[in-house]
Amino acid sequence: MAKGIRGHWGIENRLHWTKDVLIGEDDMTITNTNSATVVAFLNTTALNLLQLAGYKPIKDTFAKFANKVNELYNLFAF
């Protein structure tokens, strides 16, 4: 049971904390459920692409790619 609890909090600490603190998802004021779902999906996709490309999920990384959709898109071409 302890292993399961640690696993749950590991996800919370690695993914949700990153999305909350670095991307600011908790501060978003999207009221439409579908729109919020799409934004959360895009944030997670961008985060995963950056990690797969070898970037660490830190503020400098997000600042480097902020509003640079073409550069994020280029990460699809490994």
Protein backbone atom coordinates (compact mmCIF):
# COMPACT_ATOMS: atom_id res chain seq x y z
CA MET A 1 0.00 0.00 0.00
CA ALA A 2 2.84 2.39 0.82
CA LYS A 3 4.36 1.77 -2.62
CA GLY A 4 1.07 2.72 -4.27
CA ILE A 5 0.82 5.90 -2.21
CA ARG A 6 4.40 6.89 -3.06
CA GLY A 7 3.66 6.21 -6.72
CA HIS A 8 0.64 8.50 -6.63
CA TRP A 9 2.54 11.33 -4.99
CA GLY A 10 5.42 10.81 -7.39
CA ILE A 11 3.07 11.63 -10.25
CA GLU A 12 1.71 14.62 -8.33
CA ASN A 13 5.20 15.92 -7.64
CA ARG A 14 6.67 15.32 -11.09
CA LEU A 15 3.83 16.19 -13.43
CA HIS A 16 1.20 18.23 -11.65
CA TRP A 17 3.67 20.41 -9.76
CA THR A 18 5.48 21.15 -13.01
CA LYS A 19 2.23 22.03 -14.76
CA ASP A 20 1.04 24.17 -11.85
CA VAL A 21 4.25 26.06 -11.11
CA LEU A 22 6.02 26.29 -14.47
CA ILE A 23 3.06 26.47 -16.83
CA GLY A 24 0.65 28.12 -14.39
CA GLU A 25 -2.33 25.88 -15.06
CA ASP A 26 -3.90 26.64 -11.68
CA ASP A 27 -3.95 30.35 -12.52
CA MET A 28 -5.73 29.90 -15.85
CA THR A 29 -9.24 31.30 -15.93
CA ILE A 30 -10.75 29.10 -18.63
CA THR A 31 -14.38 28.41 -17.77
CA ASN A 32 -15.35 26.17 -20.67
CA THR A 33 -14.68 22.52 -19.83
CA ASN A 34 -13.76 21.54 -23.38
CA SER A 35 -11.36 24.45 -23.74
CA ALA A 36 -9.71 23.67 -20.40
CA THR A 37 -9.28 20.04 -21.46
CA VAL A 38 -7.66 21.04 -24.75
CA VAL A 39 -5.29 23.49 -23.03
CA ALA A 40 -4.30 20.87 -20.44
CA PHE A 41 -3.68 18.34 -23.24
CA LEU A 42 -1.53 20.81 -25.19
CA ASN A 43 0.44 21.73 -22.06
CA THR A 44 1.12 18.08 -21.29
CA THR A 45 2.06 17.38 -24.92
CA ALA A 46 4.49 20.31 -24.97
CA LEU A 47 6.01 19.20 -21.66
CA ASN A 48 6.45 15.64 -22.92
CA LEU A 49 8.00 16.81 -26.21
CA LEU A 50 10.50 18.96 -24.36
CA GLN A 51 11.45 16.08 -22.07
CA LEU A 52 11.77 13.66 -25.00
CA ALA A 53 14.04 16.15 -26.75
CA GLY A 54 16.30 16.16 -23.69
CA TYR A 55 15.23 19.42 -22.07
CA LYS A 56 14.66 19.63 -18.35
CA PRO A 57 11.30 21.00 -17.19
CA ILE A 58 12.60 24.28 -15.76
CA LYS A 59 11.53 27.89 -16.24
CA ASP A 60 14.38 28.63 -18.64
CA THR A 61 13.21 25.87 -20.97
CA PHE A 62 9.66 27.16 -21.02
CA ALA A 63 10.88 30.72 -21.54
CA LYS A 64 12.97 29.54 -24.49
CA PHE A 65 9.95 28.00 -26.22
CA ALA A 66 7.24 30.43 -25.08
CA ASN A 67 5.16 31.58 -28.05
CA LYS A 68 7.45 29.71 -30.45
CA VAL A 69 5.05 27.13 -31.85
CA ASN A 70 7.27 26.41 -34.87
CA GLU A 71 10.20 25.45 -32.64
CA LEU A 72 7.96 23.16 -30.56
CA TYR A 73 6.60 21.67 -33.78
CA ASN A 74 10.15 20.94 -34.95
CA LEU A 75 10.62 18.72 -31.90
CA PHE A 76 8.29 16.24 -33.62
CA ALA A 77 11.04 15.56 -36.17
CA PHE A 78 13.46 13.59 -34.03
